Amino acid sequence: MSLSAGTGKLSFALKTLRVCCDSAQGEWSDEVRQDFEENYLKPIEQEVMATINAISNLDQTLTKALQECEEDF
């Protein structure tokens, strides 16, 4: 019952987004790009990282609960 597959997909998606945005920087380096970076990309990265951390904590809690339930039977 591991949630690590979901966090792996989120991590990969975030890395893919960052690679795409970084590769566009050579052709798109104006104020609009800076605004996009500050107002959209960075908040998305922060939210995804917070979500990954929360899922990891939940995964640990669920694993512990499952182990404790198995011990009782």
C-alpha atoms as a PDB file:
ATOM      1  CA  MET A   1       0.000   0.000   0.000  1.00  0.00           C
ATOM      2  CA  SER A   2       2.868   2.336  -0.826  1.00  0.00           C
ATOM      3  CA  LEU A   3       2.186   5.797  -2.119  1.00  0.00           C
ATOM      4  CA  SER A   4       5.681   6.178  -3.525  1.00  0.00           C
ATOM      5  CA  ALA A   5       4.530   5.595  -7.102  1.00  0.00           C
ATOM      6  CA  GLY A   6       2.395   8.726  -6.920  1.00  0.00           C
ATOM      7  CA  THR A   7       5.196  10.816  -5.487  1.00  0.00           C
ATOM      8  CA  GLY A   8       7.515   9.501  -8.177  1.00  0.00           C
ATOM      9  CA  LYS A   9       5.092  10.614 -10.873  1.00  0.00           C
ATOM     10  CA  LEU A  10       4.744  14.042  -9.266  1.00  0.00           C
ATOM     11  CA  SER A  11       8.515  14.426  -8.987  1.00  0.00           C
ATOM     12  CA  PHE A  12       8.998  13.398 -12.605  1.00  0.00           C
ATOM     13  CA  ALA A  13       6.293  15.799 -13.795  1.00  0.00           C
ATOM     14  CA  LEU A  14       7.850  18.660 -11.843  1.00  0.00           C
ATOM     15  CA  LYS A  15      11.298  17.902 -13.242  1.00  0.00           C
ATOM     16  CA  THR A  16       9.863  17.728 -16.760  1.00  0.00           C
ATOM     17  CA  LEU A  17       8.149  21.080 -16.284  1.00  0.00           C
ATOM     18  CA  ARG A  18      11.371  22.647 -15.007  1.00  0.00           C
ATOM     19  CA  VAL A  19      13.405  21.228 -17.931  1.00  0.00           C
ATOM     20  CA  CYS A  20      10.884  22.572 -20.451  1.00  0.00           C
ATOM     21  CA  CYS A  21      10.812  26.006 -18.851  1.00  0.00           C
ATOM     22  CA  ASP A  22      14.601  26.136 -18.598  1.00  0.00           C
ATOM     23  CA  SER A  23      15.006  25.127 -22.236  1.00  0.00           C
ATOM     24  CA  ALA A  24      12.651  27.936 -23.281  1.00  0.00           C
ATOM     25  CA  GLN A  25      14.714  30.487 -21.362  1.00  0.00           C
ATOM     26  CA  GLY A  26      17.109  30.918 -24.285  1.00  0.00           C
ATOM     27  CA  GLU A  27      14.268  32.078 -26.512  1.00  0.00           C
ATOM     28  CA  TRP A  28      12.044  33.616 -23.867  1.00  0.00           C
ATOM     29  CA  SER A  29      13.921  35.881 -21.501  1.00  0.00           C
ATOM     30  CA  ASP A  30      11.795  38.969 -21.076  1.00  0.00           C
ATOM     31  CA  GLU A  31       9.779  40.420 -18.200  1.00  0.00           C
ATOM     32  CA  VAL A  32       6.798  38.215 -19.023  1.00  0.00           C
ATOM     33  CA  ARG A  33       8.937  35.111 -18.490  1.00  0.00           C
ATOM     34  CA  GLN A  34      10.211  36.485 -15.186  1.00  0.00           C
ATOM     35  CA  ASP A  35       6.620  37.175 -14.157  1.00  0.00           C
ATOM     36  CA  PHE A  36       5.645  33.637 -15.177  1.00  0.00           C
ATOM     37  CA  GLU A  37       8.538  32.215 -13.163  1.00  0.00           C
ATOM     38  CA  GLU A  38       7.712  34.187 -10.014  1.00  0.00           C
ATOM     39  CA  ASN A  39       3.915  34.046 -10.111  1.00  0.00           C
ATOM     40  CA  TYR A  40       3.271  30.600 -11.561  1.00  0.00           C
ATOM     41  CA  LEU A  41       6.254  28.282 -11.782  1.00  0.00           C
ATOM     42  CA  LYS A  42       7.777  28.833  -8.332  1.00  0.00           C
ATOM     43  CA  PRO A  43       4.409  28.533  -6.531  1.00  0.00           C
ATOM     44  CA  ILE A  44       3.679  25.322  -8.449  1.00  0.00           C
ATOM     45  CA  GLU A  45       7.067  23.916  -7.470  1.00  0.00           C
ATOM     46  CA  GLN A  46       6.509  24.832  -3.831  1.00  0.00           C
ATOM     47  CA  GLU A  47       3.030  23.285  -3.785  1.00  0.00           C
ATOM     48  CA  VAL A  48       4.195  20.098  -5.473  1.00  0.00           C
ATOM     49  CA  MET A  49       7.110  19.729  -3.046  1.00  0.00           C
ATOM     50  CA  ALA A  50       4.760  20.287  -0.097  1.00  0.00           C
ATOM     51  CA  THR A  51       2.376  17.701  -1.555  1.00  0.00           C
ATOM     52  CA  ILE A  52       5.195  15.186  -2.008  1.00  0.00           C
ATOM     53  CA  ASN A  53       6.255  15.706   1.614  1.00  0.00           C
ATOM     54  CA  ALA A  54       2.672  15.293   2.833  1.00  0.00           C
ATOM     55  CA  ILE A  55       2.225  12.109   0.799  1.00  0.00           C
ATOM     56  CA  SER A  56       5.500  10.763   2.177  1.00  0.00           C
ATOM     57  CA  ASN A  57       4.346  11.444   5.747  1.00  0.00           C
ATOM     58  CA  LEU A  58       0.991   9.820   5.021  1.00  0.00           C
ATOM     59  CA  ASP A  59       2.742   6.803   3.503  1.00  0.00           C
ATOM     60  CA  GLN A  60       4.830   6.387   6.663  1.00  0.00           C
ATOM     61  CA  THR A  61       1.739   6.672   8.854  1.00  0.00           C
ATOM     62  CA  LEU A  62      -0.197   4.149   6.776  1.00  0.00           C
ATOM     63  CA  THR A  63       2.738   1.726   6.777  1.00  0.00           C
ATOM     64  CA  LYS A  64       3.026   1.967  10.559  1.00  0.00           C
ATOM     65  CA  ALA A  65      -0.734   1.499  10.999  1.00  0.00           C
ATOM     66  CA  LEU A  66      -0.703  -1.543   8.727  1.00  0.00           C
ATOM     67  CA  GLN A  67       2.196  -3.065  10.667  1.00  0.00           C
ATOM     68  CA  GLU A  68       0.418  -2.475  13.956  1.00  0.00           C
ATOM     69  CA  CYS A  69      -2.785  -4.008  12.649  1.00  0.00           C
ATOM     70  CA  GLU A  70      -0.900  -7.070  11.402  1.00  0.00           C
ATOM     71  CA  GLU A  71       0.712  -7.491  14.824  1.00  0.00           C
ATOM     72  CA  ASP A  72      -2.724  -7.631  16.437  1.00  0.00           C
ATOM     73  CA  PHE A  73      -3.807 -10.582  14.296  1.00  0.00           C
END
